[in-house]
Amino acid sequence: MNILILGSGGREHCLAWKLSQSKKINNIFAIPGNAGIAQIAECTALPINKDNFPSILEFIKNNNIDFTIVGPEAPLVEGITDYLEGNGHAVFGPSKDAAKIEGSKVFTKKFAVRNNIPGAKAYFFKKNDYEKAKEFIEGLDAASYPWVIKADGLASGKGVLICNSRHELLEALKDFFIENLFGKSGEEIIIEEFIEGFELSIMCICDGKRIIPMEPAQDYKRIFDNDKGKNTGGMGSFSPLPFVDNVLQKKILERIIFPTFESLKKEGIIYKGILYGGIIIKDNEPYLLEYNCRFGDPETQVVLPRLDNDLLELLVNAGTGNLGSTELAWSAKKCVCVVIASKGYPETFSKGDIIYGIKDYSNKSDTLVFHAGTSMDKGNIVTNGGRVLNIVSQDKTFNGAIEKNYNKIKNINFDGMQYRNDIARKVAEK
């Protein structure tokens, strides 16, 4: 089969790497790809926004593509699956209707409430409700903080702010409604109670009839060690989760994940693709934080290396509604991902800085280098985004994986590179 991957991040490089292991693949293509993906796939620099869907379809026809895998959320929310399937092409990724589960936090929150899926108590405001929202905030008891404010639409993982005081919440509201910090994505917001606990991610493969949970992972959203600083798209991750036992896993699936899938069907939404739940655990009880409609980033980078199944077979069967009695098989190895970001991230990022220490690196060992924001310039691999590289290590122990990871990072250098030093250390064996 000829496969097309849409996207340019670390998730897409990991997908390309895993898919390349399938004996059923002839050629892998990527739009637009990056410098790392280009070592596996033939990359073509085309935009993947809605205006360019016809050009993508033309590329598919010209290159005899059999199956397309959509990496990022934006084209899914814009309806690329509907467009390509409507033109007779097989795709892995949910429909536009189903992708609302990530494209609109308001939709998802109201869906969860009416289907009794546990989560934080929430209040909804539109842009023309600014004064009403201010009045609501001013009426909150000081002892009730922190509160969370969320943009309704897509915001690259940065549209959720935790506010510890009335002043912070009012300033955040101003950023959303007056300063238009998130544009159209912030024209409707949710203000919800903060749930204290630990988060985890669980990605599930769906074929419209059946849902199969993958191994859970945990990511690190803050830019600095010890969860300090601003939210990012994710600065690292690890899997498996030693603090999630079978009892807790069963609660997550039976109270949140499975009821969501069944409720979507009842409401006429046939979900094919990845259904990714962001879950928070408080006092050993799970609550839904959010849903995503695609593989997580950087969670994919620690889940797929542990998957023993043929990924292409799984995705094709899911996309065509034929998962049947498929069972997933997992390596017992521990897997750790550390994200290396560029100077200024997450507020800004630097482009064009030469990256040293990875040019001749091959992803065939227990330490993998997945490119996120990279490109080629005059024969050099250079930075081309906020999150630049994902260093992923596997070992029998977390200590071993952590040591391999940070030893590799010592050999990598570019101007202003930044990364967290505490990824997975909380689960390192004593």
Protein backbone atom coordinates (compact mmCIF):
# COMPACT_ATOMS: atom_id res chain seq x y z
CA MET A 1 0.00 0.00 0.00
CA ASN A 2 0.96 3.61 -0.55
CA ILE A 3 0.33 5.66 2.61
CA LEU A 4 -0.01 9.41 3.11
CA ILE A 5 0.54 11.04 6.52
CA LEU A 6 -0.73 14.59 7.01
CA GLY A 7 1.20 16.66 9.55
CA SER A 8 4.68 17.89 10.47
CA GLY A 9 5.25 17.17 14.16
CA GLY A 10 6.79 14.61 16.47
CA ARG A 11 3.55 12.63 16.48
CA GLU A 12 3.67 12.31 12.68
CA HIS A 13 7.37 11.31 12.71
CA CYS A 14 6.53 8.60 15.26
CA LEU A 15 3.60 7.42 13.12
CA ALA A 16 5.83 7.27 10.03
CA TRP A 17 8.49 5.34 11.96
CA LYS A 18 5.98 2.81 13.30
CA LEU A 19 4.15 2.43 9.98
CA SER A 20 7.46 1.84 8.16
CA GLN A 21 7.79 -1.43 10.10
CA SER A 22 4.73 -2.87 8.34
CA LYS A 23 5.40 -5.38 5.56
CA LYS A 24 2.23 -4.18 3.82
CA ILE A 25 3.64 -0.75 2.94
CA ASN A 26 5.22 0.08 -0.40
CA ASN A 27 5.76 3.82 -0.02
CA ILE A 28 5.11 6.46 2.64
CA PHE A 29 4.37 10.05 1.69
CA ALA A 30 3.94 13.03 4.02
CA ILE A 31 2.41 16.50 3.67
CA PRO A 32 4.20 18.66 4.71
CA GLY A 33 6.49 16.47 6.87
CA ASN A 34 9.74 17.64 8.44
CA ALA A 35 13.47 16.91 8.25
CA GLY A 36 13.09 13.69 10.27
CA ILE A 37 10.04 12.39 8.46
CA ALA A 38 11.94 12.99 5.20
CA GLN A 39 14.33 10.18 6.23
CA ILE A 40 11.38 7.75 6.05
CA ALA A 41 8.85 9.32 3.68
CA GLU A 42 8.68 11.45 0.57
CA CYS A 43 7.69 14.90 1.87
CA THR A 44 5.83 17.56 -0.10
CA ALA A 45 5.41 21.11 1.21
CA LEU A 46 1.69 21.71 0.84
CA PRO A 47 -0.58 23.45 3.37
CA ILE A 48 -3.15 21.16 5.01
CA ASN A 49 -5.82 23.77 5.72
CA LYS A 50 -9.35 23.64 4.31
CA ASP A 51 -8.59 25.86 1.32
CA ASN A 52 -6.01 23.34 0.18
CA PHE A 53 -8.08 20.14 0.47
CA PRO A 54 -8.49 19.95 -3.35
CA SER A 55 -4.69 20.06 -3.82
CA ILE A 56 -4.29 17.24 -1.28
CA LEU A 57 -6.86 15.17 -3.16
CA GLU A 58 -5.02 15.80 -6.41
CA PHE A 59 -1.76 14.69 -4.76
CA ILE A 60 -3.49 11.51 -3.55
CA LYS A 61 -4.69 10.69 -7.06
CA ASN A 62 -1.37 11.51 -8.73
CA ASN A 63 0.62 9.32 -6.30
CA ASN A 64 -1.80 6.37 -6.12
CA ILE A 65 -2.27 6.77 -2.37
CA ASP A 66 -4.33 3.94 -0.88
CA PHE A 67 -4.83 5.29 2.64
CA THR A 68 -4.38 8.64 4.41
CA ILE A 69 -3.68 9.15 8.13
CA VAL A 70 -4.49 12.59 9.50
CA GLY A 71 -2.18 13.64 12.33
CA PRO A 72 -3.23 17.09 13.62
CA GLU A 73 -6.63 18.19 14.85
CA ALA A 74 -7.21 21.29 12.71
CA PRO A 75 -7.85 19.54 9.35
CA LEU A 76 -10.08 16.99 11.11
CA VAL A 77 -12.15 19.75 12.69
CA GLU A 78 -12.33 21.42 9.26
CA GLY A 79 -13.72 18.22 7.72
CA ILE A 80 -10.88 16.67 5.73
CA THR A 81 -12.15 13.13 6.41
CA ASP A 82 -15.58 13.95 4.99
CA TYR A 83 -13.97 15.64 1.98
CA LEU A 84 -11.61 12.79 1.10
CA GLU A 85 -14.13 10.00 1.80
CA GLY A 86 -16.69 11.91 -0.24
CA ASN A 87 -14.24 11.66 -3.12
CA GLY A 88 -13.77 7.91 -2.71
CA HIS A 89 -10.57 7.89 -0.64
CA ALA A 90 -9.96 5.87 2.56
CA VAL A 91 -8.93 7.89 5.63
CA PHE A 92 -8.03 7.34 9.28
CA GLY A 93 -9.58 10.12 11.33
CA PRO A 94 -13.02 11.14 12.59
CA SER A 95 -15.61 13.04 10.56
CA LYS A 96 -16.14 16.78 11.03
CA ASP A 97 -19.18 16.04 13.17
CA ALA A 98 -17.23 13.65 15.39
CA ALA A 99 -14.17 15.95 15.59
CA LYS A 100 -16.33 18.52 17.41
CA ILE A 101 -15.36 16.56 20.51
CA GLU A 102 -12.03 18.43 20.31
CA GLY A 103 -13.03 21.36 18.11
CA SER A 104 -15.52 22.69 20.67
CA LYS A 105 -14.96 22.36 24.41
CA VAL A 106 -18.44 23.79 24.94
CA PHE A 107 -19.97 21.01 22.82
CA THR A 108 -18.02 18.35 24.72
CA LYS A 109 -18.80 19.74 28.15
CA LYS A 110 -22.53 19.93 27.43
CA PHE A 111 -22.40 16.43 25.87
CA ALA A 112 -20.71 15.10 29.02
CA VAL A 113 -23.27 16.74 31.31
CA ARG A 114 -26.30 15.37 29.47
CA ASN A 115 -24.76 11.89 29.36
CA ASN A 116 -23.73 11.85 33.04
CA ILE A 117 -20.00 11.62 32.35
CA PRO A 118 -18.18 12.88 35.48
CA GLY A 119 -16.30 16.16 35.25
CA ALA A 120 -15.90 19.61 36.80
CA LYS A 121 -18.92 21.89 37.25
CA ALA A 122 -18.85 24.44 34.42
CA TYR A 123 -20.32 27.80 33.38
CA PHE A 124 -20.53 29.06 29.78
CA PHE A 125 -20.11 32.60 28.44
CA LYS A 126 -20.04 34.13 24.95
CA LYS A 127 -18.07 37.22 23.97
CA ASN A 128 -21.09 39.49 24.29
CA ASP A 129 -21.51 38.17 27.86
CA TYR A 130 -18.32 39.95 29.01
CA GLU A 131 -20.02 41.99 31.72
CA LYS A 132 -22.05 38.98 32.83
CA ALA A 133 -18.85 36.89 33.05
CA LYS A 134 -17.14 39.64 35.07
CA GLU A 135 -20.05 39.74 37.46
CA PHE A 136 -19.89 35.94 37.83
CA ILE A 137 -16.16 36.08 38.65
CA GLU A 138 -16.58 38.93 41.11
CA GLY A 139 -19.20 36.86 42.91
CA LEU A 140 -16.93 33.87 43.44
CA ASP A 141 -15.76 33.17 46.97
CA ALA A 142 -12.02 33.81 47.42
CA ALA A 143 -11.70 30.41 49.11
CA SER A 144 -13.05 28.64 46.01
CA TYR A 145 -9.91 29.29 43.88
CA PRO A 146 -8.28 28.09 41.71
CA TRP A 147 -10.73 28.22 38.77
CA VAL A 148 -10.07 27.19 35.17
CA ILE A 149 -10.89 29.21 32.06
CA LYS A 150 -10.95 27.49 28.66
CA ALA A 151 -11.24 28.67 25.08
CA ASP A 152 -14.00 26.84 23.22
CA GLY A 153 -12.02 26.25 20.03
CA LEU A 154 -8.59 24.95 19.06
CA ALA A 155 -5.65 26.76 20.67
CA SER A 156 -2.62 24.46 20.16
CA GLY A 157 -2.79 23.16 23.72
CA LYS A 158 -2.53 26.67 25.20
CA GLY A 159 -6.19 27.66 25.56
CA VAL A 160 -6.58 26.46 29.16
CA LEU A 161 -5.54 28.75 32.02
CA ILE A 162 -5.58 27.91 35.73
CA CYS A 163 -6.26 31.05 37.75
CA ASN A 164 -5.41 31.25 41.45
CA SER A 165 -7.14 34.52 42.28
CA ARG A 166 -9.97 36.81 41.22
CA HIS A 167 -7.44 39.19 39.67
CA GLU A 168 -5.90 36.40 37.55
CA LEU A 169 -9.31 35.18 36.39
CA LEU A 170 -10.47 38.70 35.45
CA GLU A 171 -7.22 39.30 33.55
CA ALA A 172 -7.63 35.99 31.73
CA LEU A 173 -11.22 36.90 30.84
CA LYS A 174 -9.95 40.20 29.44
CA ASP A 175 -7.33 38.35 27.38
CA PHE A 176 -10.05 36.13 25.88
CA PHE A 177 -12.81 38.67 25.23
CA ILE A 178 -11.10 42.07 24.97
CA GLU A 179 -7.55 41.33 23.77
CA ASN A 180 -8.76 38.46 21.53
CA LEU A 181 -5.75 36.38 22.57
CA PHE A 182 -7.21 33.23 20.96
CA GLY A 183 -9.19 34.87 18.13
CA LYS A 184 -12.33 32.99 17.12
CA SER A 185 -11.39 30.08 19.38
CA GLY A 186 -11.90 32.33 22.40
CA GLU A 187 -15.23 33.88 21.42
CA GLU A 188 -16.97 31.41 23.71
CA ILE A 189 -15.45 30.21 26.97
CA ILE A 190 -15.95 27.82 29.85
CA ILE A 191 -15.19 28.77 33.44
CA GLU A 192 -15.06 25.63 35.53
CA GLU A 193 -14.12 24.41 38.95
CA PHE A 194 -10.55 23.19 39.38
CA ILE A 195 -10.11 19.52 40.24
CA GLU A 196 -6.95 18.81 42.22
CA GLY A 197 -5.30 15.55 41.20
CA PHE A 198 -3.03 13.90 38.65
CA GLU A 199 -3.70 13.71 34.93
CA LEU A 200 -3.35 10.91 32.44
CA SER A 201 -4.11 10.36 28.78
CA ILE A 202 -5.80 7.35 27.26
CA MET A 203 -6.02 6.99 23.48
CA CYS A 204 -8.52 4.54 21.99
CA ILE A 205 -8.84 3.18 18.45
CA CYS A 206 -12.43 3.29 17.17
CA ASP A 207 -14.05 1.84 14.06
CA GLY A 208 -17.56 3.24 14.55
CA LYS A 209 -18.78 0.02 16.19
CA ARG A 210 -15.99 -0.94 18.59
CA ILE A 211 -13.56 1.00 20.79
CA ILE A 212 -10.19 -0.44 21.88
CA PRO A 213 -8.24 1.38 24.62
CA MET A 214 -4.49 1.72 24.24
CA GLU A 215 -2.01 1.81 27.13
CA PRO A 216 -2.30 5.06 29.13
CA ALA A 217 0.43 7.69 29.24
CA GLN A 218 1.14 10.85 31.20
CA ASP A 219 2.45 14.08 29.73
CA TYR A 220 3.98 17.26 31.16
CA LYS A 221 2.26 20.44 30.06
CA ARG A 222 4.27 23.15 31.84
CA ILE A 223 7.43 24.57 30.30
CA PHE A 224 9.67 24.31 33.39
CA ASP A 225 10.65 21.63 35.92
CA ASN A 226 8.29 20.91 38.82
CA ASP A 227 5.32 22.00 36.69
CA LYS A 228 6.24 25.69 36.75
CA GLY A 229 5.66 28.27 34.01
CA LYS A 230 3.19 28.48 31.16
CA ASN A 231 1.23 25.70 29.48
CA THR A 232 2.71 24.21 26.32
CA GLY A 233 1.69 21.56 23.83
CA GLY A 234 3.59 19.06 26.01
CA MET A 235 7.22 18.90 27.20
CA GLY A 236 7.53 15.16 27.74
CA SER A 237 5.69 11.95 28.56
CA PHE A 238 6.05 8.39 29.78
CA SER A 239 4.28 5.03 29.64
CA PRO A 240 3.21 2.72 31.27
CA LEU A 241 1.77 4.32 34.42
CA PRO A 242 2.71 2.28 37.51
CA PHE A 243 0.22 4.23 39.66
CA VAL A 244 -2.78 3.21 37.50
CA ASP A 245 -3.91 -0.24 38.58
CA ASN A 246 -6.57 -2.45 37.01
CA VAL A 247 -9.28 -1.13 39.34
CA LEU A 248 -8.63 2.51 38.41
CA GLN A 249 -8.30 1.63 34.73
CA LYS A 250 -11.68 -0.10 34.87
CA LYS A 251 -13.28 2.97 36.47
CA ILE A 252 -11.89 5.23 33.73
CA LEU A 253 -13.18 2.99 30.96
CA GLU A 254 -16.58 2.14 32.44
CA ARG A 255 -17.47 5.60 33.75
CA ILE A 256 -15.97 7.84 31.05
CA ILE A 257 -14.55 6.27 27.88
CA PHE A 258 -17.10 3.57 27.06
CA PRO A 259 -20.16 5.70 27.97
CA THR A 260 -18.81 8.48 25.74
CA PHE A 261 -18.48 6.16 22.75
CA GLU A 262 -21.95 4.69 23.26
CA SER A 263 -23.50 8.14 23.82
CA LEU A 264 -21.94 9.42 20.60
CA LYS A 265 -23.59 6.53 18.74
CA LYS A 266 -26.94 7.27 20.39
CA GLU A 267 -26.66 10.90 19.27
CA GLY A 268 -25.97 9.81 15.69
CA ILE A 269 -22.20 10.36 15.64
CA ILE A 270 -20.30 7.36 14.24
CA TYR A 271 -16.79 7.75 15.63
CA LYS A 272 -13.88 6.33 13.63
CA GLY A 273 -10.29 7.23 14.48
CA ILE A 274 -8.61 8.03 17.78
CA LEU A 275 -10.73 9.06 20.74
CA TYR A 276 -8.27 10.49 23.26
CA GLY A 277 -9.46 11.21 26.79
CA GLY A 278 -7.66 13.63 29.09
CA ILE A 279 -8.53 12.33 32.56
CA ILE A 280 -7.83 13.69 36.04
CA ILE A 281 -7.80 11.47 39.12
CA LYS A 282 -8.85 12.84 42.50
CA ASP A 283 -9.04 10.52 45.53
CA ASN A 284 -8.79 7.55 43.15
CA GLU A 285 -11.89 8.69 41.23
CA PRO A 286 -11.65 9.68 37.51
CA TYR A 287 -13.08 12.85 35.96
CA LEU A 288 -13.07 13.95 32.32
CA LEU A 289 -10.97 17.03 31.54
CA GLU A 290 -11.20 17.03 27.75
CA TYR A 291 -11.32 14.92 24.62
CA ASN A 292 -9.05 15.07 21.59
CA CYS A 293 -9.90 13.63 18.18
CA ARG A 294 -6.42 12.42 17.20
CA PHE A 295 -3.23 10.83 18.48
CA GLY A 296 -1.73 12.80 21.37
CA ASP A 297 1.57 14.63 21.14
CA PRO A 298 3.86 13.72 22.95
CA GLU A 299 1.90 10.70 24.28
CA THR A 300 1.99 8.89 20.93
CA GLN A 301 5.78 8.90 21.12
CA VAL A 302 5.74 6.69 24.24
CA VAL A 303 2.72 4.53 23.41
CA LEU A 304 3.47 3.42 19.83
CA PRO A 305 7.04 2.19 20.55
CA ARG A 306 5.46 -0.21 23.10
CA LEU A 307 2.79 -1.49 20.67
CA ASP A 308 3.56 -4.92 19.20
CA ASN A 309 0.73 -4.92 16.61
CA ASP A 310 1.09 -3.90 12.97
CA LEU A 311 -0.05 -0.26 13.17
CA LEU A 312 -1.07 -0.05 9.52
CA GLU A 313 -3.37 -3.04 9.85
CA LEU A 314 -4.99 -1.47 12.95
CA LEU A 315 -5.55 1.92 11.34
CA VAL A 316 -6.88 0.54 8.05
CA ASN A 317 -9.28 -1.77 9.89
CA ALA A 318 -10.47 1.08 12.10
CA GLY A 319 -10.89 3.47 9.19
CA THR A 320 -12.94 0.92 7.25
CA GLY A 321 -15.03 -0.21 10.25
CA ASN A 322 -13.43 -3.64 10.55
CA LEU A 323 -11.61 -3.94 13.89
CA GLY A 324 -13.64 -7.07 14.67
CA SER A 325 -12.08 -9.08 17.50
CA THR A 326 -8.68 -7.34 17.31
CA GLU A 327 -6.64 -7.41 20.53
CA LEU A 328 -3.65 -5.17 21.27
CA ALA A 329 -0.29 -6.56 22.43
CA TRP A 330 2.20 -4.48 24.44
CA SER A 331 5.88 -4.57 25.29
CA ALA A 332 6.64 -4.51 29.03
CA LYS A 333 9.40 -1.95 28.44
CA LYS A 334 9.24 1.49 29.99
CA CYS A 335 9.23 4.38 27.54
CA VAL A 336 10.18 8.02 28.21
CA CYS A 337 9.95 11.06 25.91
CA VAL A 338 11.72 14.38 26.56
CA VAL A 339 10.79 17.32 24.33
CA ILE A 340 13.51 19.80 23.36
CA ALA A 341 12.03 23.22 22.60
CA SER A 342 13.40 26.32 20.93
CA LYS A 343 14.34 29.65 22.45
CA GLY A 344 11.34 31.69 23.64
CA TYR A 345 8.82 28.83 23.61
CA PRO A 346 5.89 28.83 24.43
CA GLU A 347 5.41 32.61 23.93
CA THR A 348 7.49 32.71 20.74
CA PHE A 349 10.00 30.46 19.04
CA SER A 350 13.23 30.75 17.09
CA LYS A 351 13.60 29.46 13.52
CA GLY A 352 16.66 28.59 11.48
CA ASP A 353 19.07 27.62 14.27
CA ILE A 354 21.37 24.76 13.21
CA ILE A 355 20.85 21.58 15.26
CA TYR A 356 24.02 19.66 16.07
CA GLY A 357 24.29 16.04 17.19
CA ILE A 358 21.47 14.35 15.25
CA LYS A 359 22.37 14.58 11.55
CA ASP A 360 23.66 11.02 11.24
CA TYR A 361 21.39 9.53 13.87
CA SER A 362 19.39 6.42 12.97
CA ASN A 363 16.12 5.47 14.73
CA LYS A 364 17.06 1.82 15.15
CA SER A 365 18.18 1.72 18.79
CA ASP A 366 16.55 1.97 22.20
CA THR A 367 16.87 5.76 21.96
CA LEU A 368 14.84 7.37 19.17
CA VAL A 369 14.92 10.93 17.86
CA PHE A 370 11.57 12.10 16.53
CA HIS A 371 11.62 15.49 14.83
CA ALA A 372 8.84 17.95 15.69
CA GLY A 373 9.77 21.42 14.43
CA THR A 374 12.66 20.93 12.00
CA SER A 375 13.50 21.63 8.36
CA MET A 376 16.49 21.47 6.04
CA ASP A 377 18.52 24.55 5.11
CA LYS A 378 21.65 24.31 2.94
CA GLY A 379 22.26 20.74 4.06
CA ASN A 380 21.74 21.47 7.74
CA ILE A 381 18.88 20.37 9.98
CA VAL A 382 17.52 23.58 11.55
CA THR A 383 14.81 24.56 14.00
CA ASN A 384 11.39 25.33 12.52
CA GLY A 385 8.97 25.45 15.45
CA GLY A 386 8.44 25.73 19.19
CA ARG A 387 8.85 22.07 20.04
CA VAL A 388 11.84 20.91 18.00
CA LEU A 389 12.81 17.35 18.93
CA ASN A 390 11.41 14.40 20.90
CA ILE A 391 14.03 12.14 22.46
CA VAL A 392 12.41 8.77 23.21
CA SER A 393 14.10 5.97 25.15
CA GLN A 394 13.04 2.46 26.10
CA ASP A 395 14.41 0.18 28.79
CA LYS A 396 13.40 -2.56 31.23
CA THR A 397 13.30 0.13 33.94
CA PHE A 398 12.35 3.79 34.06
CA ASN A 399 15.78 4.60 35.50
CA GLY A 400 17.40 2.99 32.47
CA ALA A 401 15.16 4.83 30.00
CA ILE A 402 15.73 8.16 31.78
CA GLU A 403 19.51 7.69 31.77
CA LYS A 404 19.58 6.79 28.05
CA ASN A 405 17.40 9.79 27.25
CA TYR A 406 19.38 12.47 29.03
CA ASN A 407 22.70 10.97 27.90
CA LYS A 408 21.51 11.41 24.31
CA ILE A 409 20.43 14.98 24.98
CA LYS A 410 23.97 15.83 26.17
CA ASN A 411 25.14 15.30 22.56
CA ILE A 412 22.49 17.59 21.02
CA ASN A 413 22.91 21.34 20.77
CA PHE A 414 21.27 24.36 19.17
CA ASP A 415 21.04 27.98 20.19
CA GLY A 416 18.60 28.53 23.07
CA MET A 417 17.47 24.91 23.36
CA GLN A 418 15.40 24.20 26.47
CA TYR A 419 13.98 21.05 28.04
CA ARG A 420 12.75 19.73 31.36
CA ASN A 421 15.08 17.68 33.53
CA ASP A 422 12.38 15.95 35.57
CA ILE A 423 10.53 13.86 32.98
CA ALA A 424 9.44 10.48 34.47
CA ARG A 425 11.70 10.90 37.51
CA LYS A 426 8.69 10.60 39.83
CA VAL A 427 8.21 6.99 38.64
CA ALA A 428 11.91 6.11 38.60
CA GLU A 429 12.58 2.95 40.61
CA LYS A 430 13.98 3.56 44.09
